[in-house]
């Protein structure tokens, strides 16, 4: 037989360890069968999650590519983005003054509470 002995130490002062100990105590099967079953289920779920993530990544890339290829406004959008990138942004000072006045009015209103 090819049997390996693995030791499991649980510190019952730690909540996670206590939870595992209580779980093992509540099972009718042996500790070994319970631990093997739980770990196999965890590994299966982990593998399934990895496959789902890979599938969603591929699907998202395909959708983005197809949307870029079939979007009738893509050319117009690129032209607008290119034109706006070439014009320098000049921050308006009037809006800053209005924002400061609005902020002061709001703070004054909140002081009433």
C-alpha atoms as a PDB file:
ATOM      1  CA  UNK A   1       0.000   0.000   0.000  1.00  0.00           C
ATOM      2  CA  UNK A   2       1.054   3.543  -0.720  1.00  0.00           C
ATOM      3  CA  UNK A   3      -0.169   5.343   2.403  1.00  0.00           C
ATOM      4  CA  UNK A   4       1.177   8.654   3.680  1.00  0.00           C
ATOM      5  CA  UNK A   5       0.615   9.860   7.209  1.00  0.00           C
ATOM      6  CA  UNK A   6      -0.181  13.584   7.451  1.00  0.00           C
ATOM      7  CA  UNK A   7      -0.543  15.317  10.781  1.00  0.00           C
ATOM      8  CA  UNK A   8      -3.137  18.027  11.354  1.00  0.00           C
ATOM      9  CA  UNK A   9      -2.780  20.298  14.378  1.00  0.00           C
ATOM     10  CA  UNK A  10      -5.654  22.546  15.364  1.00  0.00           C
ATOM     11  CA  UNK A  11      -5.371  25.397  17.844  1.00  0.00           C
ATOM     12  CA  UNK A  12      -8.840  25.563  19.394  1.00  0.00           C
ATOM     13  CA  UNK A  13      -8.200  29.129  20.569  1.00  0.00           C
ATOM     14  CA  UNK A  14      -8.374  30.295  16.956  1.00  0.00           C
ATOM     15  CA  UNK A  15     -11.921  30.578  15.533  1.00  0.00           C
ATOM     16  CA  UNK A  16     -11.012  29.019  12.171  1.00  0.00           C
ATOM     17  CA  UNK A  17      -9.396  26.015  13.798  1.00  0.00           C
ATOM     18  CA  UNK A  18     -12.321  25.619  16.204  1.00  0.00           C
ATOM     19  CA  UNK A  19     -14.730  25.687  13.269  1.00  0.00           C
ATOM     20  CA  UNK A  20     -12.790  22.931  11.485  1.00  0.00           C
ATOM     21  CA  UNK A  21     -12.619  20.839  14.648  1.00  0.00           C
ATOM     22  CA  UNK A  22     -16.367  21.185  15.221  1.00  0.00           C
ATOM     23  CA  UNK A  23     -17.029  20.232  11.615  1.00  0.00           C
ATOM     24  CA  UNK A  24     -14.859  17.128  11.859  1.00  0.00           C
ATOM     25  CA  UNK A  25     -16.528  16.122  15.132  1.00  0.00           C
ATOM     26  CA  UNK A  26     -20.000  16.390  13.599  1.00  0.00           C
ATOM     27  CA  UNK A  27     -19.260  14.006  10.700  1.00  0.00           C
ATOM     28  CA  UNK A  28     -20.000  10.295  10.894  1.00  0.00           C
ATOM     29  CA  UNK A  29     -17.107   9.436   8.560  1.00  0.00           C
ATOM     30  CA  UNK A  30     -13.496   9.293   9.616  1.00  0.00           C
ATOM     31  CA  UNK A  31     -11.418  12.449   9.706  1.00  0.00           C
ATOM     32  CA  UNK A  32      -9.470  11.221   6.698  1.00  0.00           C
ATOM     33  CA  UNK A  33     -12.552  10.682   4.525  1.00  0.00           C
ATOM     34  CA  UNK A  34     -14.020  14.017   5.565  1.00  0.00           C
ATOM     35  CA  UNK A  35     -10.815  15.987   4.900  1.00  0.00           C
ATOM     36  CA  UNK A  36     -10.203  14.256   1.557  1.00  0.00           C
ATOM     37  CA  UNK A  37     -13.796  14.892   0.466  1.00  0.00           C
ATOM     38  CA  UNK A  38     -13.676  18.569   1.488  1.00  0.00           C
ATOM     39  CA  UNK A  39     -10.326  19.194  -0.222  1.00  0.00           C
ATOM     40  CA  UNK A  40     -11.412  17.460  -3.430  1.00  0.00           C
ATOM     41  CA  UNK A  41     -14.565  19.585  -3.555  1.00  0.00           C
ATOM     42  CA  UNK A  42     -12.503  22.724  -2.967  1.00  0.00           C
ATOM     43  CA  UNK A  43     -10.074  21.801  -5.753  1.00  0.00           C
ATOM     44  CA  UNK A  44     -12.910  21.036  -8.161  1.00  0.00           C
ATOM     45  CA  UNK A  45     -14.512  24.410  -7.464  1.00  0.00           C
ATOM     46  CA  UNK A  46     -11.161  26.159  -7.843  1.00  0.00           C
ATOM     47  CA  UNK A  47     -10.562  24.510 -11.227  1.00  0.00           C
ATOM     48  CA  UNK A  48     -14.086  25.399 -12.333  1.00  0.00           C
ATOM     49  CA  UNK A  49     -13.613  29.028 -11.268  1.00  0.00           C
ATOM     50  CA  UNK A  50     -10.334  29.218 -13.224  1.00  0.00           C
ATOM     51  CA  UNK A  51     -12.015  27.836 -16.346  1.00  0.00           C
ATOM     52  CA  UNK A  52     -14.909  30.296 -15.960  1.00  0.00           C
ATOM     53  CA  UNK A  53     -12.505  33.232 -15.562  1.00  0.00           C
ATOM     54  CA  UNK A  54     -10.580  32.208 -18.682  1.00  0.00           C
ATOM     55  CA  UNK A  55     -13.830  31.826 -20.620  1.00  0.00           C
ATOM     56  CA  UNK A  56     -15.096  35.245 -19.520  1.00  0.00           C
ATOM     57  CA  UNK A  57     -11.781  36.872 -20.424  1.00  0.00           C
ATOM     58  CA  UNK A  58     -11.871  35.355 -23.905  1.00  0.00           C
ATOM     59  CA  UNK A  59     -15.536  36.257 -24.364  1.00  0.00           C
ATOM     60  CA  UNK A  60     -14.965  39.859 -23.279  1.00  0.00           C
ATOM     61  CA  UNK A  61     -12.027  40.240 -25.685  1.00  0.00           C
ATOM     62  CA  UNK A  62     -14.068  38.830 -28.580  1.00  0.00           C
ATOM     63  CA  UNK A  63     -16.999  41.138 -27.839  1.00  0.00           C
ATOM     64  CA  UNK A  64     -14.736  44.199 -27.629  1.00  0.00           C
ATOM     65  CA  UNK A  65     -13.042  43.267 -30.899  1.00  0.00           C
ATOM     66  CA  UNK A  66     -16.329  42.708 -32.713  1.00  0.00           C
ATOM     67  CA  UNK A  67     -17.811  45.935 -31.349  1.00  0.00           C
ATOM     68  CA  UNK A  68     -14.772  47.851 -32.587  1.00  0.00           C
ATOM     69  CA  UNK A  69     -15.047  46.220 -36.019  1.00  0.00           C
ATOM     70  CA  UNK A  70     -18.793  46.730 -36.451  1.00  0.00           C
ATOM     71  CA  UNK A  71     -19.407  50.061 -34.742  1.00  0.00           C
ATOM     72  CA  UNK A  72     -20.549  52.529 -37.453  1.00  0.00           C
ATOM     73  CA  UNK A  73     -19.558  55.509 -35.302  1.00  0.00           C
ATOM     74  CA  UNK A  74     -16.076  54.217 -34.475  1.00  0.00           C
ATOM     75  CA  UNK A  75     -14.435  56.395 -37.155  1.00  0.00           C
ATOM     76  CA  UNK A  76     -16.305  59.486 -35.999  1.00  0.00           C
ATOM     77  CA  UNK A  77     -15.430  58.757 -32.383  1.00  0.00           C
ATOM     78  CA  UNK A  78     -11.734  58.405 -33.259  1.00  0.00           C
ATOM     79  CA  UNK A  79     -11.806  61.735 -35.131  1.00  0.00           C
ATOM     80  CA  UNK A  80     -13.431  63.531 -32.191  1.00  0.00           C
ATOM     81  CA  UNK A  81     -11.026  62.013 -29.673  1.00  0.00           C
ATOM     82  CA  UNK A  82      -8.035  62.943 -31.834  1.00  0.00           C
ATOM     83  CA  UNK A  83      -9.275  66.529 -32.306  1.00  0.00           C
ATOM     84  CA  UNK A  84      -9.956  67.003 -28.586  1.00  0.00           C
ATOM     85  CA  UNK A  85      -6.513  65.629 -27.733  1.00  0.00           C
ATOM     86  CA  UNK A  86      -4.894  68.266 -29.975  1.00  0.00           C
ATOM     87  CA  UNK A  87      -6.635  71.302 -28.454  1.00  0.00           C
ATOM     88  CA  UNK A  88      -5.096  72.433 -25.174  1.00  0.00           C
ATOM     89  CA  UNK A  89      -7.359  72.659 -22.148  1.00  0.00           C
ATOM     90  CA  UNK A  90      -7.668  76.120 -20.633  1.00  0.00           C
ATOM     91  CA  UNK A  91      -9.371  76.064 -17.234  1.00  0.00           C
ATOM     92  CA  UNK A  92     -12.047  78.741 -16.949  1.00  0.00           C
ATOM     93  CA  UNK A  93     -11.532  81.098 -14.027  1.00  0.00           C
ATOM     94  CA  UNK A  94     -15.186  82.166 -13.928  1.00  0.00           C
ATOM     95  CA  UNK A  95     -16.292  78.620 -13.117  1.00  0.00           C
ATOM     96  CA  UNK A  96     -13.756  78.467 -10.269  1.00  0.00           C
ATOM     97  CA  UNK A  97     -15.139  81.662  -8.760  1.00  0.00           C
ATOM     98  CA  UNK A  98     -18.727  80.378  -9.071  1.00  0.00           C
ATOM     99  CA  UNK A  99     -17.714  77.059  -7.512  1.00  0.00           C
ATOM    100  CA  UNK A 100     -16.091  78.871  -4.581  1.00  0.00           C
ATOM    101  CA  UNK A 101     -19.221  80.998  -4.043  1.00  0.00           C
ATOM    102  CA  UNK A 102     -21.434  77.902  -4.217  1.00  0.00           C
ATOM    103  CA  UNK A 103     -19.211  76.104  -1.741  1.00  0.00           C
ATOM    104  CA  UNK A 104     -19.357  79.038   0.673  1.00  0.00           C
ATOM    105  CA  UNK A 105     -23.164  79.181   0.383  1.00  0.00           C
ATOM    106  CA  UNK A 106     -23.404  75.464   0.993  1.00  0.00           C
ATOM    107  CA  UNK A 107     -21.155  75.617   4.047  1.00  0.00           C
ATOM    108  CA  UNK A 108     -23.207  78.527   5.387  1.00  0.00           C
ATOM    109  CA  UNK A 109     -26.394  76.523   4.906  1.00  0.00           C
ATOM    110  CA  UNK A 110     -24.896  73.506   6.682  1.00  0.00           C
ATOM    111  CA  UNK A 111     -23.872  75.722   9.622  1.00  0.00           C
ATOM    112  CA  UNK A 112     -27.592  76.258  10.313  1.00  0.00           C
ATOM    113  CA  UNK A 113     -27.920  72.653  11.443  1.00  0.00           C
END
